[in-house]
N, C-alpha and C. Protein backbone atom coordinates (compact mmCIF):
# COMPACT_ATOMS: atom_id res chain seq x y z
N MET A 1 162.94 118.98 122.10
CA MET A 1 163.22 120.39 122.40
C MET A 1 164.43 120.49 123.30
N ASP A 2 165.29 121.44 123.01
CA ASP A 2 166.43 121.71 123.88
C ASP A 2 165.98 122.69 124.95
N SER A 3 165.82 122.23 126.16
CA SER A 3 165.25 123.05 127.22
C SER A 3 166.13 124.21 127.62
N SER A 4 167.38 124.23 127.15
CA SER A 4 168.28 125.31 127.54
C SER A 4 167.83 126.65 127.00
N GLU A 5 167.07 126.66 125.91
CA GLU A 5 166.62 127.94 125.39
C GLU A 5 165.14 127.99 125.10
N GLY A 6 164.39 126.85 125.27
CA GLY A 6 162.96 126.85 125.11
C GLY A 6 162.48 126.98 123.69
N GLU A 7 163.34 126.79 122.73
CA GLU A 7 162.96 126.89 121.33
C GLU A 7 162.98 125.52 120.70
N HIS A 8 161.94 125.21 119.92
CA HIS A 8 161.88 123.92 119.26
C HIS A 8 162.91 123.85 118.16
N TYR A 9 163.56 122.68 118.02
CA TYR A 9 164.62 122.55 117.02
C TYR A 9 164.07 122.34 115.62
N PHE A 10 162.77 121.98 115.48
CA PHE A 10 162.21 121.76 114.15
C PHE A 10 161.71 123.09 113.59
N VAL A 11 162.63 123.98 113.35
CA VAL A 11 162.35 125.28 112.74
C VAL A 11 163.43 125.54 111.70
N GLU A 12 163.10 126.36 110.70
CA GLU A 12 164.07 126.61 109.65
C GLU A 12 165.21 127.50 110.12
N THR A 13 164.85 128.56 110.86
CA THR A 13 165.86 129.53 111.29
C THR A 13 165.79 129.71 112.80
N PRO A 14 166.63 129.03 113.56
CA PRO A 14 166.61 129.16 115.03
C PRO A 14 166.93 130.59 115.47
N LYS A 15 166.30 130.99 116.57
CA LYS A 15 166.52 132.35 117.09
C LYS A 15 167.49 132.38 118.26
N ALA A 16 167.67 131.25 118.90
CA ALA A 16 168.54 131.23 120.08
C ALA A 16 169.98 131.55 119.69
N ARG A 17 170.66 132.23 120.59
CA ARG A 17 172.06 132.56 120.35
C ARG A 17 172.89 131.29 120.25
N SER A 18 173.81 131.29 119.29
CA SER A 18 174.67 130.13 119.10
C SER A 18 175.56 129.91 120.31
N GLN A 19 175.73 128.66 120.69
CA GLN A 19 176.62 128.28 121.78
C GLN A 19 177.22 126.92 121.43
N ARG A 20 178.23 126.95 120.60
CA ARG A 20 178.82 125.74 120.05
C ARG A 20 179.68 125.00 121.07
N ARG A 21 179.72 123.68 120.93
CA ARG A 21 180.60 122.87 121.74
C ARG A 21 181.02 121.65 120.93
N ARG A 22 182.09 121.01 121.34
CA ARG A 22 182.60 119.86 120.62
C ARG A 22 182.36 118.57 121.42
N LEU A 23 182.18 117.48 120.70
CA LEU A 23 182.04 116.19 121.34
C LEU A 23 182.63 115.12 120.43
N ARG A 24 182.85 113.95 120.98
CA ARG A 24 183.41 112.83 120.23
C ARG A 24 182.69 111.54 120.64
N PHE A 25 182.61 110.59 119.73
CA PHE A 25 182.20 109.24 120.12
C PHE A 25 182.86 108.23 119.19
N LEU A 26 183.01 107.02 119.71
CA LEU A 26 183.73 105.96 119.00
C LEU A 26 182.75 105.17 118.15
N TYR A 27 183.09 104.97 116.87
CA TYR A 27 182.26 104.18 115.98
C TYR A 27 183.15 103.29 115.14
N ARG A 28 182.95 101.99 115.27
CA ARG A 28 183.73 101.00 114.52
C ARG A 28 185.23 101.23 114.64
N GLY A 29 185.65 101.53 115.85
CA GLY A 29 187.06 101.70 116.12
C GLY A 29 187.64 103.05 115.73
N GLU A 30 186.81 103.94 115.22
CA GLU A 30 187.27 105.26 114.81
C GLU A 30 186.62 106.33 115.70
N MET A 31 187.42 107.28 116.18
CA MET A 31 186.88 108.36 116.99
C MET A 31 186.36 109.45 116.07
N LEU A 32 185.05 109.66 116.10
CA LEU A 32 184.43 110.71 115.30
C LEU A 32 184.29 111.97 116.14
N THR A 33 184.48 113.12 115.52
CA THR A 33 184.41 114.40 116.22
C THR A 33 183.31 115.25 115.62
N PHE A 34 182.62 115.99 116.47
CA PHE A 34 181.47 116.78 116.03
C PHE A 34 181.44 118.13 116.73
N VAL A 35 180.86 119.10 116.04
CA VAL A 35 180.48 120.37 116.65
C VAL A 35 178.96 120.37 116.76
N VAL A 36 178.44 120.72 117.94
CA VAL A 36 177.00 120.80 118.17
C VAL A 36 176.66 122.22 118.62
N ASP A 37 175.37 122.53 118.65
CA ASP A 37 174.97 123.90 118.97
C ASP A 37 173.56 123.90 119.51
N ARG A 38 173.18 125.02 120.11
CA ARG A 38 171.82 125.19 120.62
C ARG A 38 170.82 125.23 119.47
N SER A 39 169.57 124.92 119.79
CA SER A 39 168.46 124.90 118.84
C SER A 39 168.62 123.83 117.77
N VAL A 40 169.48 122.85 118.05
CA VAL A 40 169.62 121.67 117.20
C VAL A 40 169.44 120.46 118.10
N PHE A 41 168.75 119.44 117.62
CA PHE A 41 168.47 118.27 118.45
C PHE A 41 169.75 117.69 119.03
N ALA A 42 169.69 117.27 120.29
CA ALA A 42 170.82 116.67 121.01
C ALA A 42 171.99 117.64 121.09
N ALA A 43 171.69 118.86 121.49
CA ALA A 43 172.71 119.90 121.55
C ALA A 43 173.76 119.65 122.63
N HIS A 44 173.49 118.72 123.54
CA HIS A 44 174.43 118.46 124.63
C HIS A 44 175.23 117.18 124.44
N GLY A 45 174.98 116.47 123.33
CA GLY A 45 175.72 115.24 123.09
C GLY A 45 174.85 114.20 122.42
N LEU A 46 175.45 113.09 122.04
CA LEU A 46 174.72 112.02 121.37
C LEU A 46 173.64 111.48 122.30
N ASP A 47 172.38 111.56 121.88
CA ASP A 47 171.29 111.12 122.73
C ASP A 47 171.19 109.60 122.72
N PRO A 48 170.62 109.01 123.78
CA PRO A 48 170.59 107.55 123.89
C PRO A 48 169.82 106.87 122.78
N GLY A 49 168.78 107.51 122.25
CA GLY A 49 168.02 106.91 121.16
C GLY A 49 168.86 106.78 119.90
N SER A 50 169.55 107.84 119.53
CA SER A 50 170.41 107.80 118.35
C SER A 50 171.54 106.79 118.52
N ALA A 51 172.10 106.74 119.73
CA ALA A 51 173.17 105.78 120.00
C ALA A 51 172.67 104.35 119.81
N LEU A 52 171.44 104.07 120.28
CA LEU A 52 170.87 102.74 120.13
C LEU A 52 170.60 102.43 118.66
N LEU A 53 170.10 103.42 117.91
CA LEU A 53 169.85 103.20 116.49
C LEU A 53 171.15 102.88 115.75
N ILE A 54 172.19 103.63 116.03
CA ILE A 54 173.49 103.39 115.38
C ILE A 54 173.98 101.98 115.70
N ALA A 55 173.85 101.57 116.97
CA ALA A 55 174.34 100.26 117.39
C ALA A 55 173.50 99.11 116.84
N SER A 56 172.23 99.37 116.56
CA SER A 56 171.31 98.29 116.21
C SER A 56 171.13 98.09 114.71
N THR A 57 171.51 99.06 113.91
CA THR A 57 171.21 99.04 112.48
C THR A 57 172.38 98.51 111.67
N THR A 58 172.09 97.56 110.80
CA THR A 58 173.09 97.04 109.88
C THR A 58 173.11 97.91 108.62
N VAL A 59 174.25 98.50 108.35
CA VAL A 59 174.44 99.30 107.14
C VAL A 59 175.37 98.52 106.23
N ARG A 60 174.88 98.16 105.04
CA ARG A 60 175.71 97.40 104.10
C ARG A 60 176.66 98.35 103.37
N SER A 61 177.76 97.80 102.93
CA SER A 61 178.83 98.64 102.38
C SER A 61 178.42 99.41 101.13
N THR A 62 177.44 98.91 100.39
CA THR A 62 177.03 99.57 99.16
C THR A 62 175.68 100.28 99.27
N ASP A 63 175.15 100.39 100.47
CA ASP A 63 173.84 101.02 100.66
C ASP A 63 173.84 102.48 100.24
N ARG A 64 172.71 102.90 99.67
CA ARG A 64 172.43 104.33 99.52
C ARG A 64 171.51 104.69 100.68
N VAL A 65 171.95 105.59 101.53
CA VAL A 65 171.30 105.86 102.81
C VAL A 65 170.78 107.28 102.86
N LEU A 66 169.63 107.46 103.51
CA LEU A 66 169.07 108.78 103.77
C LEU A 66 168.88 108.95 105.26
N ASP A 67 169.42 110.04 105.82
CA ASP A 67 169.21 110.41 107.22
C ASP A 67 168.26 111.60 107.23
N VAL A 68 167.02 111.36 107.66
CA VAL A 68 165.98 112.40 107.65
C VAL A 68 165.95 113.10 109.00
N GLY A 69 166.06 114.43 108.99
CA GLY A 69 166.13 115.18 110.23
C GLY A 69 167.47 114.94 110.88
N CYS A 70 168.53 115.20 110.14
CA CYS A 70 169.87 114.74 110.52
C CYS A 70 170.47 115.46 111.72
N GLY A 71 169.93 116.63 112.10
CA GLY A 71 170.57 117.37 113.19
C GLY A 71 172.01 117.67 112.84
N TRP A 72 172.92 117.45 113.78
CA TRP A 72 174.32 117.75 113.51
C TRP A 72 175.05 116.60 112.82
N GLY A 73 174.31 115.52 112.47
CA GLY A 73 174.84 114.55 111.54
C GLY A 73 175.31 113.21 112.08
N ALA A 74 174.99 112.88 113.33
CA ALA A 74 175.52 111.65 113.92
C ALA A 74 175.12 110.41 113.12
N LEU A 75 173.83 110.24 112.82
CA LEU A 75 173.37 109.04 112.14
C LEU A 75 173.95 108.95 110.74
N GLY A 76 173.87 110.04 110.00
CA GLY A 76 174.32 110.03 108.62
C GLY A 76 175.81 109.82 108.47
N ILE A 77 176.59 110.42 109.34
CA ILE A 77 178.04 110.27 109.25
C ILE A 77 178.46 108.86 109.64
N ALA A 78 177.84 108.30 110.66
CA ALA A 78 178.13 106.91 111.01
C ALA A 78 177.76 105.99 109.85
N ALA A 79 176.61 106.24 109.22
CA ALA A 79 176.19 105.42 108.09
C ALA A 79 177.17 105.55 106.94
N ALA A 80 177.68 106.74 106.70
CA ALA A 80 178.63 106.96 105.61
C ALA A 80 179.93 106.20 105.85
N LYS A 81 180.35 106.12 107.10
CA LYS A 81 181.55 105.35 107.42
C LYS A 81 181.32 103.86 107.15
N ALA A 82 180.11 103.38 107.43
CA ALA A 82 179.80 101.96 107.21
C ALA A 82 179.58 101.66 105.73
N ALA A 83 178.93 102.56 105.02
CA ALA A 83 178.63 102.37 103.59
C ALA A 83 179.77 102.93 102.75
N SER A 84 180.94 102.35 102.91
CA SER A 84 182.13 102.90 102.26
C SER A 84 182.05 102.86 100.74
N GLY A 85 181.26 101.91 100.20
CA GLY A 85 181.07 101.84 98.76
C GLY A 85 179.73 102.37 98.32
N GLY A 86 179.01 102.99 99.22
CA GLY A 86 177.70 103.55 98.91
C GLY A 86 177.72 105.05 99.06
N SER A 87 176.57 105.63 99.41
CA SER A 87 176.48 107.08 99.58
C SER A 87 175.39 107.41 100.58
N VAL A 88 175.47 108.61 101.12
CA VAL A 88 174.51 109.05 102.15
C VAL A 88 174.07 110.47 101.84
N VAL A 89 172.77 110.72 102.01
CA VAL A 89 172.21 112.07 101.96
C VAL A 89 171.64 112.38 103.33
N LEU A 90 171.99 113.53 103.88
CA LEU A 90 171.44 113.99 105.15
C LEU A 90 170.57 115.19 104.88
N THR A 91 169.36 115.24 105.47
CA THR A 91 168.47 116.37 105.27
C THR A 91 167.98 116.91 106.62
N ASP A 92 167.73 118.21 106.65
CA ASP A 92 167.13 118.83 107.83
C ASP A 92 166.52 120.15 107.42
N VAL A 93 165.40 120.51 108.06
CA VAL A 93 164.78 121.81 107.81
C VAL A 93 165.52 122.93 108.52
N ASN A 94 166.22 122.59 109.60
CA ASN A 94 166.89 123.55 110.46
C ASN A 94 168.21 123.98 109.82
N ARG A 95 168.31 125.25 109.44
CA ARG A 95 169.49 125.73 108.73
C ARG A 95 170.76 125.64 109.59
N ARG A 96 170.62 125.82 110.89
CA ARG A 96 171.79 125.69 111.76
C ARG A 96 172.25 124.24 111.79
N ALA A 97 171.30 123.30 111.81
CA ALA A 97 171.65 121.89 111.77
C ALA A 97 172.35 121.54 110.47
N VAL A 98 171.86 122.06 109.37
CA VAL A 98 172.47 121.79 108.06
C VAL A 98 173.91 122.27 108.04
N ALA A 99 174.14 123.49 108.54
CA ALA A 99 175.51 124.03 108.56
C ALA A 99 176.42 123.17 109.44
N LEU A 100 175.92 122.74 110.59
CA LEU A 100 176.71 121.88 111.47
C LEU A 100 177.02 120.54 110.82
N ALA A 101 176.00 119.94 110.21
CA ALA A 101 176.20 118.63 109.58
C ALA A 101 177.24 118.73 108.47
N ARG A 102 177.18 119.79 107.68
CA ARG A 102 178.18 119.97 106.62
C ARG A 102 179.58 120.12 107.21
N GLU A 103 179.69 120.89 108.28
CA GLU A 103 180.98 121.06 108.94
C GLU A 103 181.49 119.73 109.49
N ASN A 104 180.58 118.95 110.06
CA ASN A 104 180.98 117.67 110.65
C ASN A 104 181.34 116.63 109.59
N VAL A 105 180.67 116.67 108.45
CA VAL A 105 181.05 115.80 107.34
C VAL A 105 182.49 116.08 106.92
N ARG A 106 182.83 117.35 106.81
CA ARG A 106 184.20 117.71 106.43
C ARG A 106 185.20 117.33 107.51
N ALA A 107 184.84 117.59 108.76
CA ALA A 107 185.77 117.33 109.87
C ALA A 107 186.12 115.86 109.99
N ASN A 108 185.16 114.99 109.64
CA ASN A 108 185.39 113.55 109.74
C ASN A 108 185.84 112.94 108.42
N GLU A 109 186.18 113.81 107.47
CA GLU A 109 186.73 113.39 106.17
C GLU A 109 185.82 112.38 105.48
N VAL A 110 184.52 112.68 105.49
CA VAL A 110 183.54 111.83 104.84
C VAL A 110 183.37 112.32 103.40
N LYS A 111 183.67 111.47 102.46
CA LYS A 111 183.63 111.85 101.04
C LYS A 111 182.36 111.39 100.33
N ASN A 112 181.62 110.48 100.95
CA ASN A 112 180.47 109.88 100.29
C ASN A 112 179.14 110.34 100.88
N ALA A 113 179.11 111.57 101.42
CA ALA A 113 177.88 112.10 102.00
C ALA A 113 177.69 113.55 101.59
N GLU A 114 176.44 113.94 101.46
CA GLU A 114 176.10 115.34 101.22
C GLU A 114 174.92 115.73 102.08
N VAL A 115 174.86 117.01 102.43
CA VAL A 115 173.81 117.52 103.31
C VAL A 115 172.94 118.49 102.51
N ARG A 116 171.62 118.32 102.60
CA ARG A 116 170.68 119.16 101.87
C ARG A 116 169.69 119.79 102.84
N ALA A 117 169.31 121.02 102.57
CA ALA A 117 168.38 121.75 103.42
C ALA A 117 166.96 121.59 102.91
N GLY A 118 166.03 121.38 103.85
CA GLY A 118 164.62 121.31 103.49
C GLY A 118 163.87 120.36 104.39
N PRO A 119 162.54 120.45 104.43
CA PRO A 119 161.73 119.61 105.31
C PRO A 119 161.57 118.20 104.77
N LEU A 120 161.75 117.23 105.64
CA LEU A 120 161.50 115.83 105.35
C LEU A 120 162.10 115.41 104.01
N TYR A 121 161.24 115.04 103.03
CA TYR A 121 161.74 114.45 101.79
C TYR A 121 161.78 115.42 100.62
N ARG A 122 161.47 116.67 100.86
CA ARG A 122 161.50 117.63 99.75
C ARG A 122 162.87 117.71 99.08
N PRO A 123 163.98 117.64 99.86
CA PRO A 123 165.29 117.73 99.21
C PRO A 123 165.67 116.50 98.38
N VAL A 124 164.90 115.40 98.49
CA VAL A 124 165.24 114.18 97.75
C VAL A 124 164.06 113.71 96.91
N GLU A 125 163.28 114.64 96.43
CA GLU A 125 162.10 114.30 95.64
C GLU A 125 162.49 113.45 94.44
N GLY A 126 161.78 112.33 94.28
CA GLY A 126 162.02 111.44 93.15
C GLY A 126 163.16 110.46 93.35
N GLU A 127 163.86 110.52 94.48
CA GLU A 127 164.98 109.61 94.74
C GLU A 127 164.55 108.47 95.64
N ARG A 128 165.30 107.35 95.53
CA ARG A 128 165.01 106.18 96.37
C ARG A 128 166.29 105.71 97.05
N PHE A 129 166.09 105.05 98.20
CA PHE A 129 167.22 104.68 99.05
C PHE A 129 167.07 103.24 99.54
N ASP A 130 168.22 102.62 99.79
CA ASP A 130 168.23 101.26 100.35
C ASP A 130 167.93 101.26 101.84
N LEU A 131 168.28 102.36 102.50
CA LEU A 131 168.09 102.47 103.94
C LEU A 131 167.77 103.92 104.28
N ILE A 132 166.70 104.11 105.03
CA ILE A 132 166.35 105.43 105.56
C ILE A 132 166.36 105.33 107.08
N VAL A 133 167.09 106.22 107.72
CA VAL A 133 167.17 106.23 109.18
C VAL A 133 166.69 107.57 109.71
N SER A 134 166.09 107.54 110.90
CA SER A 134 165.62 108.79 111.50
C SER A 134 165.36 108.62 112.99
N ASN A 135 165.71 109.65 113.72
CA ASN A 135 165.23 109.84 115.08
C ASN A 135 164.23 110.99 114.96
N PRO A 136 162.96 110.67 114.73
CA PRO A 136 162.00 111.69 114.30
C PRO A 136 161.81 112.82 115.31
N PRO A 137 161.39 114.00 114.82
CA PRO A 137 161.11 115.14 115.71
C PRO A 137 159.73 114.98 116.37
N TYR A 138 159.66 114.12 117.37
CA TYR A 138 158.37 113.77 117.97
C TYR A 138 157.64 114.98 118.53
N HIS A 139 158.38 115.96 119.06
CA HIS A 139 157.72 117.13 119.65
C HIS A 139 157.04 118.00 118.60
N ALA A 140 157.32 117.76 117.33
CA ALA A 140 156.67 118.53 116.26
C ALA A 140 155.26 118.02 115.98
N GLY A 141 154.89 116.90 116.60
CA GLY A 141 153.52 116.43 116.48
C GLY A 141 153.37 115.13 115.70
N ARG A 142 152.28 114.42 116.01
CA ARG A 142 152.03 113.11 115.41
C ARG A 142 151.86 113.19 113.90
N ALA A 143 151.19 114.23 113.41
CA ALA A 143 150.96 114.34 111.97
C ALA A 143 152.27 114.40 111.21
N LEU A 144 153.22 115.13 111.75
CA LEU A 144 154.51 115.24 111.07
C LEU A 144 155.26 113.91 111.10
N VAL A 145 155.23 113.22 112.23
CA VAL A 145 155.92 111.93 112.32
C VAL A 145 155.30 110.92 111.35
N LEU A 146 153.96 110.92 111.24
CA LEU A 146 153.32 110.01 110.29
C LEU A 146 153.68 110.38 108.86
N SER A 147 153.84 111.67 108.58
CA SER A 147 154.29 112.09 107.25
C SER A 147 155.70 111.59 106.99
N LEU A 148 156.53 111.61 108.03
CA LEU A 148 157.90 111.09 107.89
C LEU A 148 157.87 109.60 107.56
N LEU A 149 157.01 108.84 108.24
CA LEU A 149 156.92 107.40 108.00
C LEU A 149 156.37 107.12 106.60
N GLU A 150 155.27 107.76 106.25
CA GLU A 150 154.66 107.52 104.94
C GLU A 150 155.61 107.93 103.81
N GLY A 151 156.23 109.08 103.95
CA GLY A 151 157.15 109.55 102.93
C GLY A 151 158.35 108.65 102.80
N GLY A 152 158.84 108.14 103.93
CA GLY A 152 159.99 107.26 103.89
C GLY A 152 159.69 105.98 103.13
N LEU A 153 158.55 105.41 103.37
CA LEU A 153 158.18 104.16 102.70
C LEU A 153 158.06 104.38 101.19
N ALA A 154 157.70 105.59 100.78
CA ALA A 154 157.59 105.90 99.35
C ALA A 154 158.94 106.16 98.70
N HIS A 155 159.99 106.34 99.51
CA HIS A 155 161.32 106.64 98.98
C HIS A 155 162.29 105.47 99.11
N LEU A 156 161.75 104.28 99.38
CA LEU A 156 162.61 103.10 99.50
C LEU A 156 162.71 102.35 98.17
N THR A 157 163.86 101.70 97.96
CA THR A 157 164.00 100.78 96.85
C THR A 157 163.16 99.54 97.11
N SER A 158 163.14 98.63 96.15
CA SER A 158 162.27 97.46 96.28
C SER A 158 162.59 96.60 97.50
N GLU A 159 163.85 96.60 97.93
CA GLU A 159 164.23 95.83 99.12
C GLU A 159 164.71 96.76 100.24
N GLY A 160 164.25 98.00 100.22
CA GLY A 160 164.72 99.00 101.17
C GLY A 160 164.15 98.82 102.56
N ARG A 161 164.80 99.51 103.51
CA ARG A 161 164.43 99.42 104.92
C ARG A 161 164.30 100.82 105.50
N LEU A 162 163.30 101.01 106.33
CA LEU A 162 163.13 102.25 107.10
C LEU A 162 163.36 101.92 108.56
N VAL A 163 164.27 102.64 109.22
CA VAL A 163 164.60 102.38 110.62
C VAL A 163 164.42 103.66 111.42
N ILE A 164 163.62 103.60 112.47
CA ILE A 164 163.41 104.75 113.35
C ILE A 164 163.65 104.33 114.80
N VAL A 165 163.84 105.32 115.66
CA VAL A 165 163.98 105.06 117.08
C VAL A 165 163.06 106.00 117.85
N GLY A 166 162.57 105.54 118.99
CA GLY A 166 161.74 106.38 119.84
C GLY A 166 161.55 105.68 121.17
N LYS A 167 160.93 106.39 122.11
CA LYS A 167 160.66 105.80 123.42
C LYS A 167 159.18 105.92 123.74
N GLY A 168 158.80 105.27 124.84
CA GLY A 168 157.39 105.21 125.18
C GLY A 168 156.73 106.57 125.29
N SER A 169 157.39 107.53 125.93
CA SER A 169 156.81 108.86 126.11
C SER A 169 156.68 109.62 124.80
N GLN A 170 157.35 109.14 123.76
CA GLN A 170 157.25 109.76 122.44
C GLN A 170 156.22 109.05 121.56
N GLY A 171 155.59 108.02 122.10
CA GLY A 171 154.55 107.31 121.37
C GLY A 171 155.06 106.23 120.43
N ILE A 172 156.25 105.67 120.71
CA ILE A 172 156.81 104.69 119.78
C ILE A 172 155.92 103.46 119.65
N LYS A 173 155.19 103.10 120.70
CA LYS A 173 154.29 101.94 120.59
C LYS A 173 153.15 102.23 119.63
N PHE A 174 152.66 103.46 119.61
CA PHE A 174 151.62 103.85 118.64
C PHE A 174 152.14 103.71 117.23
N TYR A 175 153.37 104.22 116.99
CA TYR A 175 153.92 104.16 115.64
C TYR A 175 154.25 102.73 115.22
N GLN A 176 154.65 101.91 116.18
CA GLN A 176 154.88 100.51 115.87
C GLN A 176 153.57 99.84 115.44
N ALA A 177 152.49 100.09 116.19
CA ALA A 177 151.19 99.52 115.84
C ALA A 177 150.71 100.03 114.49
N TRP A 178 150.94 101.31 114.22
CA TRP A 178 150.55 101.91 112.94
C TRP A 178 151.27 101.21 111.79
N LEU A 179 152.56 100.96 111.96
CA LEU A 179 153.34 100.27 110.92
C LEU A 179 152.91 98.81 110.78
N GLU A 180 152.70 98.13 111.90
CA GLU A 180 152.33 96.71 111.86
C GLU A 180 150.96 96.50 111.22
N GLU A 181 150.06 97.46 111.40
CA GLU A 181 148.73 97.36 110.78
C GLU A 181 148.85 97.41 109.26
N ARG A 182 149.77 98.22 108.77
CA ARG A 182 149.94 98.40 107.32
C ARG A 182 150.90 97.39 106.71
N TYR A 183 151.85 96.93 107.51
CA TYR A 183 152.87 96.00 106.99
C TYR A 183 153.01 94.82 107.95
N PRO A 184 151.95 94.00 108.08
CA PRO A 184 152.00 92.89 109.03
C PRO A 184 153.14 91.92 108.70
N GLY A 185 153.88 91.55 109.74
CA GLY A 185 154.97 90.61 109.58
C GLY A 185 156.24 91.22 109.01
N ARG A 186 156.23 92.52 108.75
CA ARG A 186 157.40 93.14 108.13
C ARG A 186 157.99 94.25 109.01
N VAL A 187 157.61 94.25 110.27
CA VAL A 187 158.15 95.22 111.23
C VAL A 187 158.91 94.44 112.29
N GLU A 188 160.13 94.85 112.55
CA GLU A 188 160.98 94.16 113.52
C GLU A 188 161.54 95.16 114.52
N VAL A 189 161.62 94.73 115.78
CA VAL A 189 162.28 95.53 116.81
C VAL A 189 163.75 95.13 116.81
N LEU A 190 164.61 96.03 116.38
CA LEU A 190 166.04 95.72 116.28
C LEU A 190 166.77 95.85 117.60
N GLY A 191 166.26 96.72 118.48
CA GLY A 191 166.94 96.92 119.76
C GLY A 191 166.05 97.60 120.76
N ARG A 192 166.31 97.36 122.04
CA ARG A 192 165.59 97.99 123.14
C ARG A 192 166.60 98.36 124.22
N ARG A 193 166.45 99.56 124.76
CA ARG A 193 167.30 99.95 125.88
C ARG A 193 166.77 101.24 126.50
N GLY A 194 166.64 101.23 127.83
CA GLY A 194 166.26 102.45 128.54
C GLY A 194 164.94 103.05 128.12
N GLY A 195 164.00 102.21 127.73
CA GLY A 195 162.70 102.70 127.29
C GLY A 195 162.63 103.01 125.80
N TYR A 196 163.76 102.99 125.13
CA TYR A 196 163.81 103.21 123.68
C TYR A 196 163.66 101.89 122.94
N ARG A 197 163.13 101.97 121.74
CA ARG A 197 163.15 100.82 120.85
C ARG A 197 163.44 101.29 119.43
N VAL A 198 164.15 100.45 118.70
CA VAL A 198 164.48 100.73 117.30
C VAL A 198 163.60 99.83 116.44
N LEU A 199 162.85 100.44 115.53
CA LEU A 199 161.96 99.69 114.66
C LEU A 199 162.47 99.70 113.23
N GLU A 200 162.43 98.54 112.59
CA GLU A 200 162.76 98.44 111.18
C GLU A 200 161.53 97.92 110.44
N VAL A 201 161.19 98.56 109.32
CA VAL A 201 160.09 98.08 108.47
C VAL A 201 160.62 97.87 107.07
N ARG A 202 160.28 96.71 106.53
CA ARG A 202 160.59 96.38 105.13
C ARG A 202 159.26 96.25 104.40
N PRO A 203 158.84 97.26 103.67
CA PRO A 203 157.49 97.25 103.11
C PRO A 203 157.25 96.19 102.06
N THR A 204 158.30 95.66 101.39
CA THR A 204 158.07 94.65 100.36
C THR A 204 158.92 93.42 100.64
């Protein structure tokens, strides 16, 4: 939740007044530029969890990538830069986030990514991906996060990977245990920093 306006970002149509700002961060030697706004996750800048996920995740050049709950597009755009011979789909239920992500895709001259509106995996029904990344909307509740995990595993290719980030106060240890119970030996901690951990699961 962005405490500046008290409205949860996991909504289709935010009510808070728009208050756009610009930010930049360096990725693989390239300065990426973004517009962010209120009622969208990480409205004040790249959050530490997403930064750790970006730094910890290996994106292959030909990967087909899905960024679930993309917000203003940090994960998906970084992935698109890495997957120069692949493609990226970014999804979000929040219409303001979708508009921002589309604007940011254009601003960073990303040609191999598209942004789709809708909750979780509805915009990619029937599609499969080599890599799914997400900084889940933990404040939306455990049931929704588990739906994100279950749905992601159903949308992976035979050698696909699901990568999420979270911290202790968001219940990341619970979700790690949930994944390890279902996929023993196939869950790896890719990175840890500041209470955050990045989890990767390879279901097959």
